[in-house]
Amino acid sequence: MAILKNVELWYTKLDPKKPNASFNKEQPTWEVQIRTRAKAQMTEWKGLGLKPKMDEDQDGKTFWRVNLKKKSKKKDGEAVAPVKVVDGALEDVDPTTIGNGSIGDVRIYQYDYDVGGKKGIATMLMAIQLKKHVVYEPPAREDDFEMTETEVVRPADSFGDNDDDGDEEAPKKSTSKKGKSLAEMEDDIPF
């Protein structure tokens, strides 16, 4: 296992209960994009068999990125443990709260593969330790509800008569097309 130190975290999809199924519904994954602006760090990543891609941010500044994933199931369909996320004190952090630009150390697991004549190094995302936690807060929706008062009305008794004048009406029996009341039909249902 290796630890990638002080990387920027972007586009995290680490909800343990809801791995990303956008690309593969049968094998959803937990994902994060790691970024660096340092050439030395990018070179270190290449040395580990990662394939950093050069990109530009909104301001035209260059960075390198690598997408890391972990499958949520083994080949036999058995579930695997989700990506663990902790803070500097090794306390668990809700992974759905990680916002773009957070900084952390990322633990990866790597292994050699040889599939159909193609050889290489596979990399699996294992855990993240946050050093700078930019908390993600979902943007407010334009169509969200506003705070308002709610009126609650409760019936006074089972007959629906809310006053105390004593002129309660007996409930009417509903009948089916065959002439049985609903109560009689309920008696016929086996439980």
N, C-alpha and C. Protein backbone atom coordinates (compact mmCIF):
# COMPACT_ATOMS: atom_id res chain seq x y z
N MET A 1 0.84 -1.17 0.00
CA MET A 1 0.00 0.00 0.00
C MET A 1 0.89 1.24 0.00
N ALA A 2 0.35 2.29 -0.58
CA ALA A 2 1.07 3.56 -0.65
C ALA A 2 0.14 4.67 -0.16
N ILE A 3 0.74 5.75 0.32
CA ILE A 3 -0.03 6.91 0.73
C ILE A 3 0.42 8.10 -0.11
N LEU A 4 -0.54 8.72 -0.78
CA LEU A 4 -0.28 9.92 -1.57
C LEU A 4 -0.54 11.10 -0.64
N LYS A 5 0.50 11.88 -0.37
CA LYS A 5 0.42 12.95 0.63
C LYS A 5 -0.07 14.27 0.04
N ASN A 6 -0.85 14.98 0.83
CA ASN A 6 -1.25 16.36 0.55
C ASN A 6 -1.79 16.56 -0.87
N VAL A 7 -2.84 15.82 -1.19
CA VAL A 7 -3.45 15.96 -2.52
C VAL A 7 -4.75 16.74 -2.40
N GLU A 8 -5.10 17.45 -3.45
CA GLU A 8 -6.41 18.11 -3.50
C GLU A 8 -7.45 17.05 -3.85
N LEU A 9 -8.61 17.16 -3.21
CA LEU A 9 -9.69 16.20 -3.44
C LEU A 9 -10.83 16.90 -4.17
N TRP A 10 -11.29 16.29 -5.25
CA TRP A 10 -12.37 16.85 -6.07
C TRP A 10 -13.36 15.77 -6.44
N TYR A 11 -14.60 16.17 -6.59
CA TYR A 11 -15.68 15.31 -7.10
C TYR A 11 -15.78 13.98 -6.34
N THR A 12 -15.76 14.06 -5.03
CA THR A 12 -15.84 12.83 -4.23
C THR A 12 -17.23 12.21 -4.33
N LYS A 13 -17.24 10.94 -4.53
CA LYS A 13 -18.48 10.14 -4.53
C LYS A 13 -18.19 8.97 -3.60
N LEU A 14 -18.32 9.23 -2.30
CA LEU A 14 -17.88 8.27 -1.29
C LEU A 14 -18.98 7.84 -0.32
N ASP A 15 -20.23 8.15 -0.64
CA ASP A 15 -21.33 7.77 0.25
C ASP A 15 -21.35 6.25 0.38
N PRO A 16 -21.13 5.70 1.61
CA PRO A 16 -21.07 4.24 1.77
C PRO A 16 -22.33 3.53 1.28
N LYS A 17 -23.49 4.19 1.41
CA LYS A 17 -24.75 3.56 1.04
C LYS A 17 -25.10 3.77 -0.43
N LYS A 18 -24.37 4.65 -1.11
CA LYS A 18 -24.76 4.98 -2.47
C LYS A 18 -23.53 5.17 -3.37
N PRO A 19 -22.83 4.09 -3.71
CA PRO A 19 -21.71 4.24 -4.64
C PRO A 19 -22.23 4.70 -6.01
N ASN A 20 -21.35 5.28 -6.79
CA ASN A 20 -21.71 5.84 -8.08
C ASN A 20 -21.99 4.74 -9.10
N ALA A 21 -23.21 4.72 -9.62
CA ALA A 21 -23.59 3.71 -10.62
C ALA A 21 -23.78 4.34 -11.99
N SER A 22 -23.30 5.56 -12.19
CA SER A 22 -23.50 6.26 -13.47
C SER A 22 -22.88 5.51 -14.64
N PHE A 23 -21.72 4.91 -14.43
CA PHE A 23 -21.01 4.27 -15.53
C PHE A 23 -21.22 2.76 -15.57
N ASN A 24 -21.54 2.17 -14.42
CA ASN A 24 -21.72 0.73 -14.38
C ASN A 24 -22.74 0.39 -13.29
N LYS A 25 -23.97 0.11 -13.70
CA LYS A 25 -25.04 -0.18 -12.74
C LYS A 25 -24.81 -1.49 -12.00
N GLU A 26 -24.14 -2.43 -12.63
CA GLU A 26 -23.88 -3.74 -12.01
C GLU A 26 -22.74 -3.67 -11.00
N GLN A 27 -21.80 -2.72 -11.20
CA GLN A 27 -20.63 -2.63 -10.34
C GLN A 27 -20.36 -1.16 -9.99
N PRO A 28 -21.20 -0.56 -9.12
CA PRO A 28 -20.98 0.83 -8.74
C PRO A 28 -19.65 1.01 -8.00
N THR A 29 -19.13 2.22 -8.03
CA THR A 29 -17.82 2.49 -7.43
C THR A 29 -17.85 3.73 -6.54
N TRP A 30 -16.93 3.75 -5.58
CA TRP A 30 -16.65 4.97 -4.82
C TRP A 30 -15.49 5.63 -5.53
N GLU A 31 -15.51 6.96 -5.61
CA GLU A 31 -14.54 7.66 -6.45
C GLU A 31 -14.09 8.97 -5.85
N VAL A 32 -12.91 9.39 -6.25
CA VAL A 32 -12.39 10.72 -5.94
C VAL A 32 -11.39 11.09 -7.05
N GLN A 33 -11.34 12.37 -7.37
CA GLN A 33 -10.31 12.86 -8.26
C GLN A 33 -9.27 13.55 -7.40
N ILE A 34 -8.00 13.14 -7.55
CA ILE A 34 -6.93 13.81 -6.82
C ILE A 34 -6.22 14.74 -7.79
N ARG A 35 -5.75 15.87 -7.24
CA ARG A 35 -5.08 16.87 -8.07
C ARG A 35 -3.83 17.36 -7.38
N THR A 36 -2.89 17.81 -8.21
CA THR A 36 -1.69 18.47 -7.72
C THR A 36 -1.27 19.53 -8.73
N ARG A 37 -0.61 20.55 -8.24
CA ARG A 37 -0.04 21.59 -9.11
C ARG A 37 1.49 21.47 -9.14
N ALA A 38 2.03 20.57 -8.32
CA ALA A 38 3.47 20.40 -8.20
C ALA A 38 3.98 19.32 -9.16
N LYS A 39 4.96 19.69 -9.99
CA LYS A 39 5.53 18.73 -10.94
C LYS A 39 6.18 17.55 -10.22
N ALA A 40 6.83 17.82 -9.09
CA ALA A 40 7.50 16.75 -8.35
C ALA A 40 6.49 15.71 -7.86
N GLN A 41 5.33 16.18 -7.41
CA GLN A 41 4.29 15.25 -6.95
C GLN A 41 3.72 14.46 -8.13
N MET A 42 3.52 15.15 -9.24
CA MET A 42 3.02 14.46 -10.44
C MET A 42 4.01 13.38 -10.87
N THR A 43 5.31 13.67 -10.81
CA THR A 43 6.35 12.69 -11.16
C THR A 43 6.31 11.50 -10.20
N GLU A 44 6.07 11.78 -8.92
CA GLU A 44 5.95 10.72 -7.92
C GLU A 44 4.77 9.80 -8.27
N TRP A 45 3.67 10.39 -8.68
CA TRP A 45 2.49 9.60 -9.06
C TRP A 45 2.82 8.71 -10.25
N LYS A 46 3.52 9.26 -11.24
CA LYS A 46 3.91 8.45 -12.41
C LYS A 46 4.78 7.27 -11.99
N GLY A 47 5.67 7.51 -11.03
CA GLY A 47 6.55 6.45 -10.52
C GLY A 47 5.78 5.32 -9.87
N LEU A 48 4.57 5.60 -9.41
CA LEU A 48 3.73 4.57 -8.80
C LEU A 48 2.84 3.87 -9.83
N GLY A 49 2.98 4.25 -11.09
CA GLY A 49 2.17 3.62 -12.13
C GLY A 49 0.85 4.33 -12.40
N LEU A 50 0.63 5.48 -11.74
CA LEU A 50 -0.57 6.26 -12.03
C LEU A 50 -0.35 7.02 -13.33
N LYS A 51 -1.43 7.47 -13.93
CA LYS A 51 -1.34 8.17 -15.20
C LYS A 51 -1.97 9.56 -15.09
N PRO A 52 -1.21 10.52 -14.51
CA PRO A 52 -1.76 11.87 -14.35
C PRO A 52 -2.02 12.53 -15.70
N LYS A 53 -3.13 13.26 -15.76
CA LYS A 53 -3.47 14.01 -16.97
C LYS A 53 -3.40 15.50 -16.66
N MET A 54 -2.81 16.26 -17.58
CA MET A 54 -2.71 17.70 -17.39
C MET A 54 -4.04 18.35 -17.72
N ASP A 55 -4.39 19.37 -16.93
CA ASP A 55 -5.65 20.07 -17.13
C ASP A 55 -5.45 21.53 -16.71
N GLU A 56 -6.46 22.35 -16.93
CA GLU A 56 -6.41 23.75 -16.51
C GLU A 56 -7.65 24.08 -15.70
N ASP A 57 -7.45 24.93 -14.68
CA ASP A 57 -8.62 25.36 -13.90
C ASP A 57 -9.26 26.57 -14.57
N GLN A 58 -10.27 27.16 -13.93
CA GLN A 58 -11.00 28.30 -14.51
C GLN A 58 -10.10 29.51 -14.75
N ASP A 59 -9.02 29.61 -13.97
CA ASP A 59 -8.11 30.74 -14.10
C ASP A 59 -6.99 30.47 -15.09
N GLY A 60 -7.02 29.32 -15.75
CA GLY A 60 -5.99 28.98 -16.74
C GLY A 60 -4.72 28.42 -16.13
N LYS A 61 -4.75 28.08 -14.82
CA LYS A 61 -3.57 27.52 -14.16
C LYS A 61 -3.55 26.01 -14.35
N THR A 62 -2.36 25.48 -14.60
CA THR A 62 -2.19 24.05 -14.88
C THR A 62 -2.20 23.22 -13.60
N PHE A 63 -2.82 22.04 -13.70
CA PHE A 63 -2.76 21.05 -12.63
C PHE A 63 -2.78 19.67 -13.28
N TRP A 64 -2.43 18.65 -12.49
CA TRP A 64 -2.51 17.27 -12.94
C TRP A 64 -3.56 16.56 -12.10
N ARG A 65 -4.28 15.63 -12.72
CA ARG A 65 -5.36 14.93 -12.03
C ARG A 65 -5.29 13.43 -12.30
N VAL A 66 -5.78 12.68 -11.33
CA VAL A 66 -5.91 11.23 -11.45
C VAL A 66 -7.23 10.85 -10.78
N ASN A 67 -8.01 10.03 -11.43
CA ASN A 67 -9.25 9.53 -10.85
C ASN A 67 -8.98 8.18 -10.20
N LEU A 68 -9.37 8.07 -8.93
CA LEU A 68 -9.19 6.83 -8.18
C LEU A 68 -10.55 6.25 -7.85
N LYS A 69 -10.65 4.92 -7.88
CA LYS A 69 -11.93 4.25 -7.65
C LYS A 69 -11.75 3.03 -6.76
N LYS A 70 -12.88 2.62 -6.21
CA LYS A 70 -12.96 1.34 -5.52
C LYS A 70 -14.31 0.73 -5.84
N LYS A 71 -14.30 -0.49 -6.34
CA LYS A 71 -15.56 -1.18 -6.65
C LYS A 71 -16.28 -1.52 -5.35
N SER A 72 -17.61 -1.50 -5.41
CA SER A 72 -18.40 -1.77 -4.21
C SER A 72 -18.70 -3.26 -4.01
N LYS A 73 -18.35 -4.07 -5.01
CA LYS A 73 -18.61 -5.51 -4.90
C LYS A 73 -17.43 -6.29 -5.47
N LYS A 74 -17.26 -7.49 -4.94
CA LYS A 74 -16.28 -8.42 -5.51
C LYS A 74 -16.89 -9.04 -6.76
N LYS A 75 -16.10 -9.79 -7.50
CA LYS A 75 -16.60 -10.45 -8.71
C LYS A 75 -17.77 -11.39 -8.42
N ASP A 76 -17.76 -11.99 -7.22
CA ASP A 76 -18.83 -12.92 -6.86
C ASP A 76 -20.08 -12.20 -6.33
N GLY A 77 -20.06 -10.86 -6.31
CA GLY A 77 -21.21 -10.09 -5.86
C GLY A 77 -21.19 -9.72 -4.39
N GLU A 78 -20.23 -10.24 -3.64
CA GLU A 78 -20.13 -9.93 -2.22
C GLU A 78 -19.71 -8.47 -2.03
N ALA A 79 -20.37 -7.78 -1.10
CA ALA A 79 -20.07 -6.37 -0.84
C ALA A 79 -18.70 -6.22 -0.20
N VAL A 80 -18.03 -5.11 -0.51
CA VAL A 80 -16.74 -4.80 0.11
C VAL A 80 -16.90 -3.58 1.01
N ALA A 81 -15.94 -3.38 1.88
CA ALA A 81 -15.98 -2.24 2.79
C ALA A 81 -15.83 -0.94 2.00
N PRO A 82 -16.61 0.09 2.34
CA PRO A 82 -16.48 1.36 1.64
C PRO A 82 -15.16 2.05 1.97
N VAL A 83 -14.88 3.13 1.27
CA VAL A 83 -13.67 3.91 1.49
C VAL A 83 -13.78 4.57 2.87
N LYS A 84 -12.77 4.39 3.68
CA LYS A 84 -12.77 4.97 5.04
C LYS A 84 -12.27 6.41 4.94
N VAL A 85 -12.95 7.31 5.67
CA VAL A 85 -12.55 8.72 5.70
C VAL A 85 -12.42 9.14 7.16
N VAL A 86 -11.24 9.68 7.51
CA VAL A 86 -10.98 10.13 8.88
C VAL A 86 -10.38 11.53 8.86
N ASP A 87 -10.38 12.17 10.03
CA ASP A 87 -9.74 13.48 10.16
C ASP A 87 -8.34 13.29 10.73
N GLY A 88 -7.70 14.39 11.11
CA GLY A 88 -6.34 14.33 11.64
C GLY A 88 -6.22 13.56 12.94
N ALA A 89 -7.30 13.50 13.72
CA ALA A 89 -7.32 12.76 14.98
C ALA A 89 -7.78 11.31 14.78
N LEU A 90 -7.88 10.89 13.55
CA LEU A 90 -8.31 9.54 13.15
C LEU A 90 -9.76 9.26 13.52
N GLU A 91 -10.56 10.31 13.68
CA GLU A 91 -12.00 10.17 13.92
C GLU A 91 -12.71 10.08 12.58
N ASP A 92 -13.75 9.25 12.52
CA ASP A 92 -14.51 9.09 11.28
C ASP A 92 -15.14 10.42 10.85
N VAL A 93 -15.17 10.64 9.54
CA VAL A 93 -15.79 11.82 8.95
C VAL A 93 -16.85 11.34 7.97
N ASP A 94 -17.98 12.01 7.95
CA ASP A 94 -19.03 11.70 6.98
C ASP A 94 -18.48 12.01 5.59
N PRO A 95 -18.28 11.01 4.73
CA PRO A 95 -17.67 11.25 3.43
C PRO A 95 -18.51 12.10 2.49
N THR A 96 -19.80 12.25 2.78
CA THR A 96 -20.64 13.07 1.91
C THR A 96 -20.43 14.56 2.17
N THR A 97 -19.63 14.90 3.19
CA THR A 97 -19.39 16.31 3.52
C THR A 97 -18.10 16.85 2.92
N ILE A 98 -17.39 16.05 2.13
CA ILE A 98 -16.12 16.51 1.56
C ILE A 98 -16.38 17.36 0.34
N GLY A 99 -15.96 18.63 0.41
CA GLY A 99 -16.15 19.55 -0.70
C GLY A 99 -14.90 19.64 -1.57
N ASN A 100 -15.08 20.13 -2.78
CA ASN A 100 -13.96 20.32 -3.71
C ASN A 100 -12.92 21.24 -3.08
N GLY A 101 -11.64 20.88 -3.27
CA GLY A 101 -10.56 21.69 -2.74
C GLY A 101 -10.09 21.24 -1.36
N SER A 102 -10.75 20.24 -0.79
CA SER A 102 -10.26 19.68 0.48
C SER A 102 -8.87 19.09 0.22
N ILE A 103 -8.06 19.01 1.26
CA ILE A 103 -6.69 18.47 1.15
C ILE A 103 -6.60 17.26 2.06
N GLY A 104 -5.94 16.21 1.57
CA GLY A 104 -5.79 15.03 2.41
C GLY A 104 -4.71 14.10 1.90
N ASP A 105 -4.47 13.08 2.70
CA ASP A 105 -3.60 11.99 2.31
C ASP A 105 -4.51 10.85 1.86
N VAL A 106 -4.12 10.18 0.79
CA VAL A 106 -4.95 9.13 0.20
C VAL A 106 -4.17 7.83 0.19
N ARG A 107 -4.76 6.81 0.83
CA ARG A 107 -4.14 5.48 0.83
C ARG A 107 -4.69 4.69 -0.33
N ILE A 108 -3.77 4.10 -1.10
CA ILE A 108 -4.15 3.28 -2.25
C ILE A 108 -3.55 1.88 -2.10
N TYR A 109 -4.19 0.94 -2.75
CA TYR A 109 -3.68 -0.43 -2.82
C TYR A 109 -3.39 -0.70 -4.29
N GLN A 110 -2.21 -1.24 -4.58
CA GLN A 110 -1.84 -1.52 -5.96
C GLN A 110 -1.43 -2.97 -6.13
N TYR A 111 -1.74 -3.48 -7.31
CA TYR A 111 -1.36 -4.85 -7.63
C TYR A 111 -1.15 -4.97 -9.13
N ASP A 112 -0.28 -5.93 -9.51
CA ASP A 112 -0.02 -6.19 -10.93
C ASP A 112 -1.17 -6.98 -11.52
N TYR A 113 -1.46 -6.71 -12.78
CA TYR A 113 -2.47 -7.50 -13.47
C TYR A 113 -1.96 -7.89 -14.85
N ASP A 114 -2.50 -8.98 -15.34
CA ASP A 114 -2.22 -9.48 -16.68
C ASP A 114 -3.54 -10.06 -17.19
N VAL A 115 -4.28 -9.28 -17.97
CA VAL A 115 -5.59 -9.68 -18.46
C VAL A 115 -5.59 -9.61 -19.99
N GLY A 116 -5.80 -10.74 -20.61
CA GLY A 116 -5.87 -10.79 -22.08
C GLY A 116 -4.63 -10.23 -22.75
N GLY A 117 -3.48 -10.47 -22.16
CA GLY A 117 -2.23 -9.98 -22.73
C GLY A 117 -1.88 -8.55 -22.34
N LYS A 118 -2.79 -7.87 -21.68
CA LYS A 118 -2.50 -6.50 -21.22
C LYS A 118 -1.98 -6.57 -19.79
N LYS A 119 -0.80 -5.99 -19.58
CA LYS A 119 -0.18 -5.99 -18.26
C LYS A 119 -0.12 -4.57 -17.74
N GLY A 120 -0.16 -4.46 -16.42
CA GLY A 120 -0.06 -3.15 -15.82
C GLY A 120 -0.21 -3.22 -14.32
N ILE A 121 -0.40 -2.05 -13.73
CA ILE A 121 -0.60 -1.94 -12.29
C ILE A 121 -1.99 -1.37 -12.05
N ALA A 122 -2.80 -2.10 -11.30
CA ALA A 122 -4.13 -1.62 -10.94
C ALA A 122 -4.03 -0.88 -9.60
N THR A 123 -4.80 0.17 -9.48
CA THR A 123 -4.79 0.98 -8.26
C THR A 123 -6.20 1.07 -7.71
N MET A 124 -6.32 0.82 -6.40
CA MET A 124 -7.63 0.88 -5.74
C MET A 124 -7.58 1.90 -4.60
N LEU A 125 -8.57 2.77 -4.55
CA LEU A 125 -8.74 3.73 -3.47
C LEU A 125 -9.13 2.99 -2.20
N MET A 126 -8.45 3.27 -1.09
CA MET A 126 -8.73 2.56 0.16
C MET A 126 -9.24 3.48 1.27
N ALA A 127 -8.55 4.60 1.49
CA ALA A 127 -8.91 5.47 2.61
C ALA A 127 -8.39 6.88 2.37
N ILE A 128 -8.99 7.84 3.09
CA ILE A 128 -8.59 9.24 3.00
C ILE A 128 -8.50 9.80 4.41
N GLN A 129 -7.40 10.52 4.67
CA GLN A 129 -7.27 11.28 5.92
C GLN A 129 -7.30 12.76 5.54
N LEU A 130 -8.31 13.45 6.03
CA LEU A 130 -8.45 14.87 5.71
C LEU A 130 -7.51 15.72 6.56
N LYS A 131 -6.84 16.65 5.89
CA LYS A 131 -5.98 17.62 6.57
C LYS A 131 -6.62 19.01 6.51
N LYS A 132 -7.33 19.26 5.44
CA LYS A 132 -8.12 20.49 5.30
C LYS A 132 -9.47 20.05 4.76
N HIS A 133 -10.50 20.23 5.58
CA HIS A 133 -11.84 19.74 5.21
C HIS A 133 -12.69 20.93 4.78
N VAL A 134 -12.85 21.07 3.47
CA VAL A 134 -13.78 22.06 2.94
C VAL A 134 -15.14 21.38 2.96
N VAL A 135 -16.02 21.86 3.82
CA VAL A 135 -17.30 21.19 4.02
C VAL A 135 -18.23 21.48 2.84
N TYR A 136 -18.74 20.42 2.26
CA TYR A 136 -19.68 20.54 1.15
C TYR A 136 -21.06 20.83 1.71
N GLU A 137 -21.67 21.87 1.21
CA GLU A 137 -23.05 22.18 1.55
C GLU A 137 -23.81 22.29 0.25
N PRO A 138 -24.85 21.48 0.09
CA PRO A 138 -25.61 21.53 -1.16
C PRO A 138 -26.15 22.94 -1.39
N PRO A 139 -26.10 23.43 -2.62
CA PRO A 139 -26.62 24.77 -2.90
C PRO A 139 -28.13 24.81 -2.67
N ALA A 140 -28.59 25.99 -2.27
CA ALA A 140 -30.03 26.16 -2.07
C ALA A 140 -30.73 26.04 -3.41
N ARG A 141 -31.87 25.41 -3.38
CA ARG A 141 -32.66 25.25 -4.60
C ARG A 141 -33.61 26.42 -4.71
N GLU A 142 -33.87 26.83 -5.93
CA GLU A 142 -34.81 27.92 -6.14
C GLU A 142 -36.24 27.48 -5.83
N ASP A 143 -36.51 26.19 -5.92
CA ASP A 143 -37.87 25.72 -5.70
C ASP A 143 -38.03 25.06 -4.32
N ASP A 144 -37.15 25.39 -3.36
CA ASP A 144 -37.28 24.83 -2.02
C ASP A 144 -38.48 25.43 -1.29
N PHE A 145 -38.99 24.68 -0.33
CA PHE A 145 -40.07 25.17 0.50
C PHE A 145 -39.54 26.23 1.45
N GLU A 146 -40.42 27.10 1.92
CA GLU A 146 -40.08 28.10 2.92
C GLU A 146 -40.71 27.67 4.25
N MET A 147 -40.19 28.22 5.34
CA MET A 147 -40.79 27.98 6.65
C MET A 147 -42.20 28.57 6.66
N THR A 148 -43.14 27.83 7.22
CA THR A 148 -44.51 28.28 7.30
C THR A 148 -45.18 27.62 8.49
N GLU A 149 -46.35 28.07 8.83
CA GLU A 149 -47.11 27.46 9.91
C GLU A 149 -47.87 26.27 9.35
N THR A 150 -48.08 25.26 10.18
CA THR A 150 -48.86 24.11 9.79
C THR A 150 -50.01 23.96 10.77
N GLU A 151 -51.22 23.90 10.24
CA GLU A 151 -52.39 23.68 11.07
C GLU A 151 -52.61 22.18 11.21
N VAL A 152 -52.76 21.73 12.44
CA VAL A 152 -52.98 20.31 12.70
C VAL A 152 -54.41 20.14 13.22
N VAL A 153 -55.18 19.29 12.57
CA VAL A 153 -56.57 19.04 12.96
C VAL A 153 -56.69 17.56 13.32
N ARG A 154 -57.19 17.30 14.52
CA ARG A 154 -57.37 15.93 14.96
C ARG A 154 -58.86 15.70 15.23
N PRO A 155 -59.42 14.59 14.75
CA PRO A 155 -60.82 14.30 15.05
C PRO A 155 -61.00 14.06 16.54
N ALA A 156 -62.16 14.47 17.06
CA ALA A 156 -62.43 14.35 18.50
C ALA A 156 -62.74 12.92 18.89
N ASP A 157 -63.43 12.17 18.02
CA ASP A 157 -63.76 10.79 18.34
C ASP A 157 -63.81 9.97 17.06
N SER A 158 -64.09 8.71 17.20
CA SER A 158 -64.06 7.82 16.04
C SER A 158 -65.20 8.04 15.07
N PHE A 159 -66.28 8.76 15.50
CA PHE A 159 -67.39 9.00 14.59
C PHE A 159 -67.21 10.27 13.77
N GLY A 160 -66.16 11.01 14.03
CA GLY A 160 -65.91 12.21 13.26
C GLY A 160 -66.70 13.41 13.73
N ASP A 161 -67.40 13.32 14.85
CA ASP A 161 -68.19 14.43 15.37
C ASP A 161 -67.29 15.20 16.34
N ASN A 162 -66.98 16.42 16.02
CA ASN A 162 -66.06 17.19 16.83
C ASN A 162 -66.74 18.01 17.92
N ASP A 163 -68.07 18.05 17.96
CA ASP A 163 -68.73 18.82 19.01
C ASP A 163 -69.26 17.88 20.08
N ASP A 164 -69.64 18.43 21.18
CA ASP A 164 -70.10 17.63 22.31
C ASP A 164 -71.61 17.73 22.51
N ASP A 165 -72.42 17.89 21.45
CA ASP A 165 -73.86 18.08 21.61
C ASP A 165 -74.63 16.76 21.69
N GLY A 166 -73.94 15.63 21.56
CA GLY A 166 -74.57 14.34 21.74
C GLY A 166 -75.33 13.84 20.54
N ASP A 167 -75.34 14.53 19.43
CA ASP A 167 -76.10 14.08 18.27
C ASP A 167 -75.21 13.34 17.28
N GLU A 168 -74.48 12.37 17.81
CA GLU A 168 -73.56 11.61 16.97
C GLU A 168 -74.33 10.68 16.05
N GLU A 169 -73.85 10.60 14.84
CA GLU A 169 -74.45 9.67 13.89
C GLU A 169 -73.64 8.39 13.89
N ALA A 170 -74.33 7.28 13.74
CA ALA A 170 -73.64 6.00 13.64
C ALA A 170 -72.95 5.94 12.28
N PRO A 171 -71.79 5.30 12.23
CA PRO A 171 -71.11 5.20 10.94
C PRO A 171 -71.93 4.38 9.96
N LYS A 172 -71.85 4.77 8.70
CA LYS A 172 -72.57 4.06 7.65
C LYS A 172 -71.74 2.88 7.20
N LYS A 173 -72.41 1.78 6.87
CA LYS A 173 -71.70 0.61 6.38
C LYS A 173 -71.50 0.75 4.89
N SER A 174 -70.28 0.47 4.45
CA SER A 174 -70.01 0.43 3.02
C SER A 174 -70.27 -0.99 2.55
N THR A 175 -70.84 -1.12 1.39
CA THR A 175 -71.10 -2.46 0.87
C THR A 175 -70.46 -2.63 -0.48
N SER A 176 -70.11 -3.88 -0.78
CA SER A 176 -69.55 -4.19 -2.09
C SER A 176 -70.68 -4.51 -3.05
N LYS A 177 -70.33 -4.78 -4.28
CA LYS A 177 -71.33 -5.11 -5.30
C LYS A 177 -72.06 -6.41 -4.98
N LYS A 178 -71.44 -7.28 -4.21
CA LYS A 178 -72.06 -8.56 -3.88
C LYS A 178 -72.95 -8.46 -2.65
N GLY A 179 -73.07 -7.28 -2.07
CA GLY A 179 -73.96 -7.09 -0.94
C GLY A 179 -73.31 -7.28 0.41
N LYS A 180 -72.06 -7.69 0.49
CA LYS A 180 -71.39 -7.84 1.77
C LYS A 180 -70.83 -6.49 2.20
N SER A 181 -70.85 -6.23 3.49
CA SER A 181 -70.24 -5.00 3.98
C SER A 181 -68.72 -5.18 3.95
N LEU A 182 -68.01 -4.08 3.96
CA LEU A 182 -66.54 -4.16 3.97
C LEU A 182 -66.05 -4.88 5.21
N ALA A 183 -66.72 -4.67 6.33
CA ALA A 183 -66.32 -5.35 7.56
C ALA A 183 -66.46 -6.86 7.41
N GLU A 184 -67.56 -7.31 6.75
CA GLU A 184 -67.77 -8.74 6.54
C GLU A 184 -66.73 -9.29 5.57
N MET A 185 -66.36 -8.49 4.58
CA MET A 185 -65.33 -8.94 3.63
C MET A 185 -63.99 -9.07 4.30
N GLU A 186 -63.67 -8.14 5.22
CA GLU A 186 -62.40 -8.22 5.95
C GLU A 186 -62.32 -9.48 6.79
N ASP A 187 -63.49 -9.92 7.31
CA ASP A 187 -63.52 -11.15 8.11
C ASP A 187 -63.15 -12.36 7.28
N ASP A 188 -63.38 -12.30 5.98
CA ASP A 188 -63.09 -13.44 5.09
C ASP A 188 -61.62 -13.52 4.70
N ILE A 189 -60.85 -12.48 4.97
CA ILE A 189 -59.43 -12.48 4.57
C ILE A 189 -58.63 -13.33 5.56
N PRO A 190 -57.91 -14.33 5.05
CA PRO A 190 -57.09 -15.17 5.95
C PRO A 190 -55.81 -14.44 6.34
N PHE A 191 -55.48 -14.49 7.62
CA PHE A 191 -54.23 -13.86 8.10
C PHE A 191 -53.34 -14.86 8.72
